Amino acid sequence: QLVLYYRDVPYADGIVILGHLADD
């Protein structure tokens, strides 16, 4: 799954960061 984070979340195995919004 693609995941779009709108809150910080704790570390979890299996998550790969793909990128980030230009403006928080």
PDB file of all heavy atoms in Angstrom:
ATOM      1  N   GLN A   1       0.808  -1.226   0.000  1.00  0.00           N
ATOM      2  CA  GLN A   1       0.000   0.000   0.000  1.00  0.00           C
ATOM      3  C   GLN A   1       0.842   1.278   0.000  1.00  0.00           C
ATOM      4  O   GLN A   1       1.879   1.348   0.659  1.00  0.00           O
ATOM      5  CB  GLN A   1      -0.900   0.041   1.232  1.00  0.00           C
ATOM      6  CG  GLN A   1      -1.968  -1.025   1.216  1.00  0.00           C
ATOM      7  CD  GLN A   1      -2.809  -1.006   2.463  1.00  0.00           C
ATOM      8  OE1 GLN A   1      -2.328  -0.755   3.558  1.00  0.00           O
ATOM      9  NE2 GLN A   1      -4.096  -1.287   2.299  1.00  0.00           N
ATOM     10  N   LEU A   2       0.321   2.273  -0.719  1.00  0.00           N
ATOM     11  CA  LEU A   2       0.829   3.637  -0.622  1.00  0.00           C
ATOM     12  C   LEU A   2       0.223   4.215   0.649  1.00  0.00           C
ATOM     13  O   LEU A   2      -0.953   4.008   0.930  1.00  0.00           O
ATOM     14  CB  LEU A   2       0.385   4.467  -1.831  1.00  0.00           C
ATOM     15  CG  LEU A   2       0.725   5.962  -1.779  1.00  0.00           C
ATOM     16  CD1 LEU A   2       2.236   6.171  -1.831  1.00  0.00           C
ATOM     17  CD2 LEU A   2       0.031   6.683  -2.924  1.00  0.00           C
ATOM     18  N   VAL A   3       1.034   4.943   1.399  1.00  0.00           N
ATOM     19  CA  VAL A   3       0.564   5.539   2.641  1.00  0.00           C
ATOM     20  C   VAL A   3       0.919   7.027   2.634  1.00  0.00           C
ATOM     21  O   VAL A   3       2.051   7.396   2.358  1.00  0.00           O
ATOM     22  CB  VAL A   3       1.200   4.867   3.868  1.00  0.00           C
ATOM     23  CG1 VAL A   3       0.636   5.438   5.152  1.00  0.00           C
ATOM     24  CG2 VAL A   3       1.000   3.362   3.815  1.00  0.00           C
ATOM     25  N   LEU A   4      -0.064   7.854   2.947  1.00  0.00           N
ATOM     26  CA  LEU A   4       0.113   9.296   3.042  1.00  0.00           C
ATOM     27  C   LEU A   4      -0.113   9.679   4.502  1.00  0.00           C
ATOM     28  O   LEU A   4      -1.220   9.530   5.024  1.00  0.00           O
ATOM     29  CB  LEU A   4      -0.879  10.001   2.125  1.00  0.00           C
ATOM     30  CG  LEU A   4      -0.871   9.533   0.668  1.00  0.00           C
ATOM     31  CD1 LEU A   4      -2.019  10.157  -0.098  1.00  0.00           C
ATOM     32  CD2 LEU A   4       0.447   9.851   0.020  1.00  0.00           C
ATOM     33  N   TYR A   5       0.945  10.155   5.162  1.00  0.00           N
ATOM     34  CA  TYR A   5       0.883  10.426   6.601  1.00  0.00           C
ATOM     35  C   TYR A   5       0.470  11.869   6.875  1.00  0.00           C
ATOM     36  O   TYR A   5       1.113  12.793   6.405  1.00  0.00           O
ATOM     37  CB  TYR A   5       2.239  10.159   7.245  1.00  0.00           C
ATOM     38  CG  TYR A   5       2.658   8.713   7.142  1.00  0.00           C
ATOM     39  CD1 TYR A   5       3.384   8.251   6.055  1.00  0.00           C
ATOM     40  CD2 TYR A   5       2.307   7.809   8.128  1.00  0.00           C
ATOM     41  CE1 TYR A   5       3.747   6.922   5.949  1.00  0.00           C
ATOM     42  CE2 TYR A   5       2.672   6.477   8.031  1.00  0.00           C
ATOM     43  CZ  TYR A   5       3.388   6.043   6.939  1.00  0.00           C
ATOM     44  OH  TYR A   5       3.736   4.729   6.830  1.00  0.00           O
ATOM     45  N   TYR A   6      -0.577  12.047   7.678  1.00  0.00           N
ATOM     46  CA  TYR A   6      -0.937  13.390   8.102  1.00  0.00           C
ATOM     47  C   TYR A   6      -0.625  13.605   9.577  1.00  0.00           C
ATOM     48  O   TYR A   6      -0.794  14.694  10.112  1.00  0.00           O
ATOM     49  CB  TYR A   6      -2.391  13.750   7.767  1.00  0.00           C
ATOM     50  CG  TYR A   6      -3.474  12.863   8.310  1.00  0.00           C
ATOM     51  CD1 TYR A   6      -4.086  13.147   9.522  1.00  0.00           C
ATOM     52  CD2 TYR A   6      -3.901  11.764   7.585  1.00  0.00           C
ATOM     53  CE1 TYR A   6      -5.106  12.351  10.004  1.00  0.00           C
ATOM     54  CE2 TYR A   6      -4.926  10.964   8.059  1.00  0.00           C
ATOM     55  CZ  TYR A   6      -5.524  11.263   9.273  1.00  0.00           C
ATOM     56  OH  TYR A   6      -6.530  10.463   9.752  1.00  0.00           O
ATOM     57  N   ARG A   7      -0.144  12.580  10.257  1.00  0.00           N
ATOM     58  CA  ARG A   7       0.356  12.682  11.634  1.00  0.00           C
ATOM     59  C   ARG A   7       1.628  11.847  11.725  1.00  0.00           C
ATOM     60  O   ARG A   7       1.814  10.900  10.971  1.00  0.00           O
ATOM     61  CB  ARG A   7      -0.673  12.150  12.627  1.00  0.00           C
ATOM     62  CG  ARG A   7      -1.888  13.026  12.766  1.00  0.00           C
ATOM     63  CD  ARG A   7      -2.682  12.695  14.024  1.00  0.00           C
ATOM     64  NE  ARG A   7      -3.722  13.665  14.249  1.00  0.00           N
ATOM     65  CZ  ARG A   7      -4.920  13.643  13.687  1.00  0.00           C
ATOM     66  NH1 ARG A   7      -5.235  12.685  12.851  1.00  0.00           N
ATOM     67  NH2 ARG A   7      -5.805  14.573  13.964  1.00  0.00           N
ATOM     68  N   ASP A   8       2.492  12.186  12.685  1.00  0.00           N
ATOM     69  CA  ASP A   8       3.669  11.365  12.955  1.00  0.00           C
ATOM     70  C   ASP A   8       3.190  10.019  13.493  1.00  0.00           C
ATOM     71  O   ASP A   8       2.185   9.955  14.215  1.00  0.00           O
ATOM     72  CB  ASP A   8       4.561  12.003  14.019  1.00  0.00           C
ATOM     73  CG  ASP A   8       5.213  13.299  13.564  1.00  0.00           C
ATOM     74  OD1 ASP A   8       5.063  13.687  12.395  1.00  0.00           O
ATOM     75  OD2 ASP A   8       5.891  13.922  14.408  1.00  0.00           O
ATOM     76  N   VAL A   9       3.904   8.963  13.149  1.00  0.00           N
ATOM     77  CA  VAL A   9       3.590   7.638  13.684  1.00  0.00           C
ATOM     78  C   VAL A   9       4.883   6.984  14.164  1.00  0.00           C
ATOM     79  O   VAL A   9       5.968   7.313  13.687  1.00  0.00           O
ATOM     80  CB  VAL A   9       2.873   6.733  12.645  1.00  0.00           C
ATOM     81  CG1 VAL A   9       1.546   7.321  12.228  1.00  0.00           C
ATOM     82  CG2 VAL A   9       3.738   6.474  11.443  1.00  0.00           C
ATOM     83  N   PRO A  10       4.773   6.056  15.101  1.00  0.00           N
ATOM     84  CA  PRO A  10       5.972   5.394  15.612  1.00  0.00           C
ATOM     85  C   PRO A  10       6.593   4.451  14.580  1.00  0.00           C
ATOM     86  O   PRO A  10       5.952   4.050  13.611  1.00  0.00           O
ATOM     87  CB  PRO A  10       5.483   4.614  16.825  1.00  0.00           C
ATOM     88  CG  PRO A  10       4.006   4.642  16.788  1.00  0.00           C
ATOM     89  CD  PRO A  10       3.563   5.642  15.781  1.00  0.00           C
ATOM     90  N   TYR A  11       7.815   4.096  14.841  1.00  0.00           N
ATOM     91  CA  TYR A  11       8.538   3.160  14.000  1.00  0.00           C
ATOM     92  C   TYR A  11       7.748   1.861  13.829  1.00  0.00           C
ATOM     93  O   TYR A  11       7.146   1.357  14.777  1.00  0.00           O
ATOM     94  CB  TYR A  11       9.903   2.836  14.624  1.00  0.00           C
ATOM     95  CG  TYR A  11      10.649   1.754  13.879  1.00  0.00           C
ATOM     96  CD1 TYR A  11      11.495   2.076  12.830  1.00  0.00           C
ATOM     97  CD2 TYR A  11      10.478   0.411  14.193  1.00  0.00           C
ATOM     98  CE1 TYR A  11      12.160   1.095  12.127  1.00  0.00           C
ATOM     99  CE2 TYR A  11      11.131  -0.580  13.493  1.00  0.00           C
ATOM    100  CZ  TYR A  11      11.972  -0.230  12.456  1.00  0.00           C
ATOM    101  OH  TYR A  11      12.619  -1.214  11.752  1.00  0.00           O
ATOM    102  N   ALA A  12       7.759   1.341  12.609  1.00  0.00           N
ATOM    103  CA  ALA A  12       7.172   0.026  12.341  1.00  0.00           C
ATOM    104  C   ALA A  12       7.971  -0.640  11.234  1.00  0.00           C
ATOM    105  O   ALA A  12       8.407   0.019  10.279  1.00  0.00           O
ATOM    106  CB  ALA A  12       5.706   0.144  11.935  1.00  0.00           C
ATOM    107  N   ASP A  13       8.182  -1.930  11.373  1.00  0.00           N
ATOM    108  CA  ASP A  13       8.822  -2.700  10.309  1.00  0.00           C
ATOM    109  C   ASP A  13       7.938  -2.669   9.070  1.00  0.00           C
ATOM    110  O   ASP A  13       6.707  -2.631   9.182  1.00  0.00           O
ATOM    111  CB  ASP A  13       9.017  -4.160  10.745  1.00  0.00           C
ATOM    112  CG  ASP A  13      10.116  -4.328  11.778  1.00  0.00           C
ATOM    113  OD1 ASP A  13      10.942  -3.419  11.938  1.00  0.00           O
ATOM    114  OD2 ASP A  13      10.141  -5.391  12.434  1.00  0.00           O
ATOM    115  N   GLY A  14       8.552  -2.688   7.899  1.00  0.00           N
ATOM    116  CA  GLY A  14       7.811  -2.785   6.649  1.00  0.00           C
ATOM    117  C   GLY A  14       7.503  -1.458   5.993  1.00  0.00           C
ATOM    118  O   GLY A  14       7.048  -1.430   4.859  1.00  0.00           O
ATOM    119  N   ILE A  15       7.735  -0.342   6.689  1.00  0.00           N
ATOM    120  CA  ILE A  15       7.479   0.970   6.109  1.00  0.00           C
ATOM    121  C   ILE A  15       8.728   1.452   5.385  1.00  0.00           C
ATOM    122  O   ILE A  15       9.825   1.430   5.940  1.00  0.00           O
ATOM    123  CB  ILE A  15       7.096   2.008   7.187  1.00  0.00           C
ATOM    124  CG1 ILE A  15       5.811   1.601   7.894  1.00  0.00           C
ATOM    125  CG2 ILE A  15       6.968   3.403   6.567  1.00  0.00           C
ATOM    126  CD1 ILE A  15       5.477   2.443   9.097  1.00  0.00           C
ATOM    127  N   VAL A  16       8.542   1.887   4.149  1.00  0.00           N
ATOM    128  CA  VAL A  16       9.628   2.478   3.365  1.00  0.00           C
ATOM    129  C   VAL A  16       9.191   3.896   3.013  1.00  0.00           C
ATOM    130  O   VAL A  16       8.138   4.082   2.397  1.00  0.00           O
ATOM    131  CB  VAL A  16       9.895   1.679   2.068  1.00  0.00           C
ATOM    132  CG1 VAL A  16      11.006   2.323   1.254  1.00  0.00           C
ATOM    133  CG2 VAL A  16      10.213   0.220   2.395  1.00  0.00           C
ATOM    134  N   ILE A  17       9.970   4.893   3.422  1.00  0.00           N
ATOM    135  CA  ILE A  17       9.654   6.280   3.104  1.00  0.00           C
ATOM    136  C   ILE A  17       9.987   6.519   1.632  1.00  0.00           C
ATOM    137  O   ILE A  17      11.093   6.244   1.181  1.00  0.00           O
ATOM    138  CB  ILE A  17      10.433   7.265   3.999  1.00  0.00           C
ATOM    139  CG1 ILE A  17      10.133   7.011   5.479  1.00  0.00           C
ATOM    140  CG2 ILE A  17      10.126   8.721   3.605  1.00  0.00           C
ATOM    141  CD1 ILE A  17       8.687   7.164   5.874  1.00  0.00           C
ATOM    142  N   LEU A  18       9.000   7.044   0.884  1.00  0.00           N
ATOM    143  CA  LEU A  18       9.175   7.327  -0.549  1.00  0.00           C
ATOM    144  C   LEU A  18       9.494   8.790  -0.816  1.00  0.00           C
ATOM    145  O   LEU A  18      10.131   9.111  -1.815  1.00  0.00           O
ATOM    146  CB  LEU A  18       7.898   6.971  -1.312  1.00  0.00           C
ATOM    147  CG  LEU A  18       7.399   5.541  -1.216  1.00  0.00           C
ATOM    148  CD1 LEU A  18       6.069   5.399  -1.936  1.00  0.00           C
ATOM    149  CD2 LEU A  18       8.437   4.583  -1.787  1.00  0.00           C
ATOM    150  N   GLY A  19       9.011   9.686   0.042  1.00  0.00           N
ATOM    151  CA  GLY A  19       9.210  11.105  -0.185  1.00  0.00           C
ATOM    152  C   GLY A  19       8.489  11.917   0.870  1.00  0.00           C
ATOM    153  O   GLY A  19       8.085  11.387   1.911  1.00  0.00           O
ATOM    154  N   HIS A  20       8.315  13.220   0.567  1.00  0.00           N
ATOM    155  CA  HIS A  20       7.720  14.130   1.543  1.00  0.00           C
ATOM    156  C   HIS A  20       7.045  15.282   0.818  1.00  0.00           C
ATOM    157  O   HIS A  20       7.458  15.672  -0.278  1.00  0.00           O
ATOM    158  CB  HIS A  20       8.810  14.672   2.477  1.00  0.00           C
ATOM    159  CG  HIS A  20       8.276  15.318   3.709  1.00  0.00           C
ATOM    160  ND1 HIS A  20       7.901  14.606   4.820  1.00  0.00           N
ATOM    161  CD2 HIS A  20       8.049  16.608   4.002  1.00  0.00           C
ATOM    162  CE1 HIS A  20       7.466  15.449   5.749  1.00  0.00           C
ATOM    163  NE2 HIS A  20       7.543  16.671   5.275  1.00  0.00           N
ATOM    164  N   LEU A  21       6.018  15.835   1.446  1.00  0.00           N
ATOM    165  CA  LEU A  21       5.363  17.027   0.910  1.00  0.00           C
ATOM    166  C   LEU A  21       6.341  18.193   0.921  1.00  0.00           C
ATOM    167  O   LEU A  21       7.170  18.309   1.825  1.00  0.00           O
ATOM    168  CB  LEU A  21       4.140  17.391   1.738  1.00  0.00           C
ATOM    169  CG  LEU A  21       3.031  16.349   1.779  1.00  0.00           C
ATOM    170  CD1 LEU A  21       1.905  16.818   2.683  1.00  0.00           C
ATOM    171  CD2 LEU A  21       2.513  16.057   0.398  1.00  0.00           C
ATOM    172  N   ALA A  22       6.239  19.063  -0.065  1.00  0.00           N
ATOM    173  CA  ALA A  22       7.135  20.206  -0.144  1.00  0.00           C
ATOM    174  C   ALA A  22       6.858  21.210   0.965  1.00  0.00           C
ATOM    175  O   ALA A  22       7.767  21.876   1.445  1.00  0.00           O
ATOM    176  CB  ALA A  22       7.014  20.877  -1.514  1.00  0.00           C
ATOM    177  N   ASP A  23       5.624  21.322   1.385  1.00  0.00           N
ATOM    178  CA  ASP A  23       5.228  22.294   2.408  1.00  0.00           C
ATOM    179  C   ASP A  23       4.443  21.567   3.490  1.00  0.00           C
ATOM    180  O   ASP A  23       3.329  21.080   3.236  1.00  0.00           O
ATOM    181  CB  ASP A  23       4.385  23.405   1.773  1.00  0.00           C
ATOM    182  CG  ASP A  23       4.093  24.552   2.720  1.00  0.00           C
ATOM    183  OD1 ASP A  23       4.215  24.379   3.959  1.00  0.00           O
ATOM    184  OD2 ASP A  23       3.729  25.638   2.218  1.00  0.00           O
ATOM    185  N   ASP A  24       4.995  21.496   4.685  1.00  0.00           N
ATOM    186  CA  ASP A  24       4.337  20.772   5.779  1.00  0.00           C
ATOM    187  C   ASP A  24       2.976  21.356   6.142  1.00  0.00           C
ATOM    188  O   ASP A  24       2.158  20.685   6.752  1.00  0.00           O
ATOM    189  CB  ASP A  24       5.232  20.734   7.017  1.00  0.00           C
ATOM    190  CG  ASP A  24       6.407  19.790   6.854  1.00  0.00           C
ATOM    191  OD1 ASP A  24       6.287  18.824   6.066  1.00  0.00           O
ATOM    192  OD2 ASP A  24       7.443  20.006   7.507  1.00  0.00           O
TER     193      ASP A  24
END
